[in-house]
């Protein structure tokens, strides 16, 4: 070995992010380099999170379409009767709503959009924080 600070030579080694590697030194200044655990892609967790959110959004959309077309009435009506029997206030779908209920519905819609915005901003913050691989 020409350099006094050099301990051993490994040759060409490719290292990946978040991988686990073993370096074994043998006599004569030669080292063996082994990969104990394969490196992972740091953006893989972001991909999984995006796919889960996409799946949840598709399930929500399918549920909403079924609800609007009345395909779930066979399941919902017995549940409504059970809840009304227990003492919960259950709204009737075909009945006339009062004016106060319409105002409350408009207010809920506004707050729902605000909550949606908050959720998107939190998701973006999580992606930004996790994307730095730190």
C-alpha atoms as a PDB file:
ATOM      1  CA  UNK A   1       0.000   0.000   0.000  1.00  0.00           C
ATOM      2  CA  UNK A   2       1.356   3.322  -1.058  1.00  0.00           C
ATOM      3  CA  UNK A   3      -0.728   5.496   1.258  1.00  0.00           C
ATOM      4  CA  UNK A   4       0.032   5.193   4.990  1.00  0.00           C
ATOM      5  CA  UNK A   5      -3.503   6.330   5.936  1.00  0.00           C
ATOM      6  CA  UNK A   6      -5.162   3.630   3.856  1.00  0.00           C
ATOM      7  CA  UNK A   7      -6.252   0.577   5.817  1.00  0.00           C
ATOM      8  CA  UNK A   8      -7.467  -1.688   3.008  1.00  0.00           C
ATOM      9  CA  UNK A   9      -8.766  -1.720  -0.567  1.00  0.00           C
ATOM     10  CA  UNK A  10     -12.272  -2.815  -1.515  1.00  0.00           C
ATOM     11  CA  UNK A  11     -12.483  -2.060  -5.211  1.00  0.00           C
ATOM     12  CA  UNK A  12     -15.646  -0.692  -6.801  1.00  0.00           C
ATOM     13  CA  UNK A  13     -18.560  -0.657  -4.370  1.00  0.00           C
ATOM     14  CA  UNK A  14     -22.030   0.740  -4.981  1.00  0.00           C
ATOM     15  CA  UNK A  15     -23.804   1.937  -1.865  1.00  0.00           C
ATOM     16  CA  UNK A  16     -27.519   2.644  -1.687  1.00  0.00           C
ATOM     17  CA  UNK A  17     -29.467   4.784   0.698  1.00  0.00           C
ATOM     18  CA  UNK A  18     -30.598   3.066   3.916  1.00  0.00           C
ATOM     19  CA  UNK A  19     -28.649  -0.119   3.133  1.00  0.00           C
ATOM     20  CA  UNK A  20     -26.767  -2.184   5.715  1.00  0.00           C
ATOM     21  CA  UNK A  21     -23.252  -3.273   4.772  1.00  0.00           C
ATOM     22  CA  UNK A  22     -20.534  -5.410   6.343  1.00  0.00           C
ATOM     23  CA  UNK A  23     -16.846  -4.634   5.883  1.00  0.00           C
ATOM     24  CA  UNK A  24     -14.443  -7.409   6.880  1.00  0.00           C
ATOM     25  CA  UNK A  25     -10.692  -6.830   6.886  1.00  0.00           C
ATOM     26  CA  UNK A  26      -8.313  -9.657   6.150  1.00  0.00           C
ATOM     27  CA  UNK A  27      -4.580  -9.779   6.420  1.00  0.00           C
ATOM     28  CA  UNK A  28      -2.540  -8.242   3.652  1.00  0.00           C
ATOM     29  CA  UNK A  29      -4.609  -5.091   3.329  1.00  0.00           C
ATOM     30  CA  UNK A  30      -7.570  -6.650   1.535  1.00  0.00           C
ATOM     31  CA  UNK A  31     -11.174  -6.064   2.599  1.00  0.00           C
ATOM     32  CA  UNK A  32     -14.332  -7.945   1.722  1.00  0.00           C
ATOM     33  CA  UNK A  33     -17.469  -5.940   1.366  1.00  0.00           C
ATOM     34  CA  UNK A  34     -20.883  -7.598   1.748  1.00  0.00           C
ATOM     35  CA  UNK A  35     -24.435  -6.273   1.591  1.00  0.00           C
ATOM     36  CA  UNK A  36     -26.294  -7.379   4.737  1.00  0.00           C
ATOM     37  CA  UNK A  37     -29.580  -5.618   3.883  1.00  0.00           C
ATOM     38  CA  UNK A  38     -30.566  -4.229   0.498  1.00  0.00           C
ATOM     39  CA  UNK A  39     -31.046  -0.491   0.233  1.00  0.00           C
ATOM     40  CA  UNK A  40     -34.618   0.749  -0.116  1.00  0.00           C
ATOM     41  CA  UNK A  41     -36.027   3.531  -2.185  1.00  0.00           C
ATOM     42  CA  UNK A  42     -36.834   6.429   0.180  1.00  0.00           C
ATOM     43  CA  UNK A  43     -39.793   7.451  -1.995  1.00  0.00           C
ATOM     44  CA  UNK A  44     -41.439   4.050  -1.685  1.00  0.00           C
ATOM     45  CA  UNK A  45     -43.322   5.094   1.450  1.00  0.00           C
ATOM     46  CA  UNK A  46     -44.670   8.122  -0.423  1.00  0.00           C
ATOM     47  CA  UNK A  47     -45.871   5.849  -3.213  1.00  0.00           C
ATOM     48  CA  UNK A  48     -47.651   3.593  -0.715  1.00  0.00           C
ATOM     49  CA  UNK A  49     -49.274   6.596   0.986  1.00  0.00           C
ATOM     50  CA  UNK A  50     -50.441   7.962  -2.366  1.00  0.00           C
ATOM     51  CA  UNK A  51     -51.879   4.596  -3.411  1.00  0.00           C
ATOM     52  CA  UNK A  52     -53.720   4.208  -0.106  1.00  0.00           C
ATOM     53  CA  UNK A  53     -55.183   7.711  -0.445  1.00  0.00           C
ATOM     54  CA  UNK A  54     -56.162   6.971  -4.041  1.00  0.00           C
ATOM     55  CA  UNK A  55     -57.861   3.736  -2.965  1.00  0.00           C
ATOM     56  CA  UNK A  56     -59.716   5.503  -0.148  1.00  0.00           C
ATOM     57  CA  UNK A  57     -60.854   8.230  -2.546  1.00  0.00           C
ATOM     58  CA  UNK A  58     -62.122   5.658  -5.056  1.00  0.00           C
ATOM     59  CA  UNK A  59     -63.966   3.763  -2.308  1.00  0.00           C
ATOM     60  CA  UNK A  60     -65.520   7.004  -1.055  1.00  0.00           C
ATOM     61  CA  UNK A  61     -66.621   7.935  -4.579  1.00  0.00           C
ATOM     62  CA  UNK A  62     -68.145   4.483  -5.166  1.00  0.00           C
ATOM     63  CA  UNK A  63     -69.967   4.674  -1.826  1.00  0.00           C
ATOM     64  CA  UNK A  64     -71.277   8.154  -2.684  1.00  0.00           C
ATOM     65  CA  UNK A  65     -72.569   6.985  -6.081  1.00  0.00           C
ATOM     66  CA  UNK A  66     -74.314   4.002  -4.482  1.00  0.00           C
ATOM     67  CA  UNK A  67     -75.788   6.259  -1.800  1.00  0.00           C
ATOM     68  CA  UNK A  68     -77.095   8.806  -4.324  1.00  0.00           C
ATOM     69  CA  UNK A  69     -78.700   6.111  -6.497  1.00  0.00           C
ATOM     70  CA  UNK A  70     -80.370   4.509  -3.487  1.00  0.00           C
ATOM     71  CA  UNK A  71     -78.554   1.203  -3.777  1.00  0.00           C
ATOM     72  CA  UNK A  72     -77.842   1.188  -0.045  1.00  0.00           C
ATOM     73  CA  UNK A  73     -81.430   1.788   1.115  1.00  0.00           C
ATOM     74  CA  UNK A  74     -81.887  -1.900   1.924  1.00  0.00           C
ATOM     75  CA  UNK A  75     -79.040  -1.627   4.424  1.00  0.00           C
ATOM     76  CA  UNK A  76     -79.653   1.902   5.675  1.00  0.00           C
ATOM     77  CA  UNK A  77     -83.414   1.779   6.364  1.00  0.00           C
ATOM     78  CA  UNK A  78     -83.252  -1.047   8.959  1.00  0.00           C
ATOM     79  CA  UNK A  79     -80.330   0.747  10.565  1.00  0.00           C
ATOM     80  CA  UNK A  80     -82.334   3.989  10.721  1.00  0.00           C
ATOM     81  CA  UNK A  81     -85.279   2.185  12.317  1.00  0.00           C
ATOM     82  CA  UNK A  82     -82.967   0.617  14.887  1.00  0.00           C
ATOM     83  CA  UNK A  83     -81.357   3.960  15.719  1.00  0.00           C
ATOM     84  CA  UNK A  84     -84.771   5.667  15.952  1.00  0.00           C
ATOM     85  CA  UNK A  85     -85.921   2.911  18.307  1.00  0.00           C
ATOM     86  CA  UNK A  86     -82.937   3.540  20.573  1.00  0.00           C
ATOM     87  CA  UNK A  87     -83.707   7.245  20.716  1.00  0.00           C
ATOM     88  CA  UNK A  88     -81.466   8.869  18.119  1.00  0.00           C
ATOM     89  CA  UNK A  89     -82.825  11.647  15.927  1.00  0.00           C
ATOM     90  CA  UNK A  90     -82.867  10.223  12.402  1.00  0.00           C
ATOM     91  CA  UNK A  91     -83.585  12.432   9.379  1.00  0.00           C
ATOM     92  CA  UNK A  92     -86.031  11.237   6.786  1.00  0.00           C
ATOM     93  CA  UNK A  93     -84.783  11.411   3.193  1.00  0.00           C
ATOM     94  CA  UNK A  94     -88.084  12.366   1.521  1.00  0.00           C
ATOM     95  CA  UNK A  95     -89.361  14.768   4.222  1.00  0.00           C
ATOM     96  CA  UNK A  96     -89.277  18.553   4.059  1.00  0.00           C
ATOM     97  CA  UNK A  97     -86.423  20.084   5.980  1.00  0.00           C
ATOM     98  CA  UNK A  98     -86.894  23.169   8.071  1.00  0.00           C
ATOM     99  CA  UNK A  99     -85.248  26.459   7.203  1.00  0.00           C
ATOM    100  CA  UNK A 100     -82.867  26.192  10.147  1.00  0.00           C
ATOM    101  CA  UNK A 101     -81.768  22.767   8.993  1.00  0.00           C
ATOM    102  CA  UNK A 102     -80.987  24.168   5.530  1.00  0.00           C
ATOM    103  CA  UNK A 103     -78.818  26.895   7.068  1.00  0.00           C
ATOM    104  CA  UNK A 104     -77.045  24.295   9.166  1.00  0.00           C
ATOM    105  CA  UNK A 105     -76.493  22.180   6.035  1.00  0.00           C
ATOM    106  CA  UNK A 106     -74.933  25.172   4.219  1.00  0.00           C
ATOM    107  CA  UNK A 107     -72.691  25.866   7.208  1.00  0.00           C
ATOM    108  CA  UNK A 108     -71.590  22.208   7.359  1.00  0.00           C
ATOM    109  CA  UNK A 109     -70.735  22.295   3.676  1.00  0.00           C
ATOM    110  CA  UNK A 110     -68.530  25.343   4.186  1.00  0.00           C
ATOM    111  CA  UNK A 111     -66.766  23.758   7.165  1.00  0.00           C
ATOM    112  CA  UNK A 112     -66.379  20.499   5.270  1.00  0.00           C
ATOM    113  CA  UNK A 113     -64.513  22.290   2.494  1.00  0.00           C
ATOM    114  CA  UNK A 114     -62.302  23.960   5.088  1.00  0.00           C
ATOM    115  CA  UNK A 115     -61.559  20.581   6.659  1.00  0.00           C
ATOM    116  CA  UNK A 116     -60.752  19.201   3.221  1.00  0.00           C
ATOM    117  CA  UNK A 117     -58.289  22.047   2.641  1.00  0.00           C
ATOM    118  CA  UNK A 118     -56.696  21.390   6.025  1.00  0.00           C
ATOM    119  CA  UNK A 119     -56.349  17.698   5.209  1.00  0.00           C
ATOM    120  CA  UNK A 120     -54.696  18.411   1.861  1.00  0.00           C
ATOM    121  CA  UNK A 121     -52.290  20.874   3.456  1.00  0.00           C
ATOM    122  CA  UNK A 122     -51.340  18.305   6.136  1.00  0.00           C
ATOM    123  CA  UNK A 123     -50.764  15.658   3.444  1.00  0.00           C
ATOM    124  CA  UNK A 124     -48.538  18.065   1.499  1.00  0.00           C
ATOM    125  CA  UNK A 125     -46.574  18.860   4.669  1.00  0.00           C
ATOM    126  CA  UNK A 126     -46.079  15.144   5.348  1.00  0.00           C
ATOM    127  CA  UNK A 127     -44.894  14.560   1.778  1.00  0.00           C
ATOM    128  CA  UNK A 128     -42.543  17.538   1.982  1.00  0.00           C
ATOM    129  CA  UNK A 129     -41.096  16.365   5.286  1.00  0.00           C
ATOM    130  CA  UNK A 130     -40.732  12.726   4.243  1.00  0.00           C
ATOM    131  CA  UNK A 131     -39.409  13.588   0.793  1.00  0.00           C
ATOM    132  CA  UNK A 132     -36.263  15.070   2.261  1.00  0.00           C
ATOM    133  CA  UNK A 133     -35.196  11.567   3.338  1.00  0.00           C
ATOM    134  CA  UNK A 134     -34.261  12.904   6.708  1.00  0.00           C
END
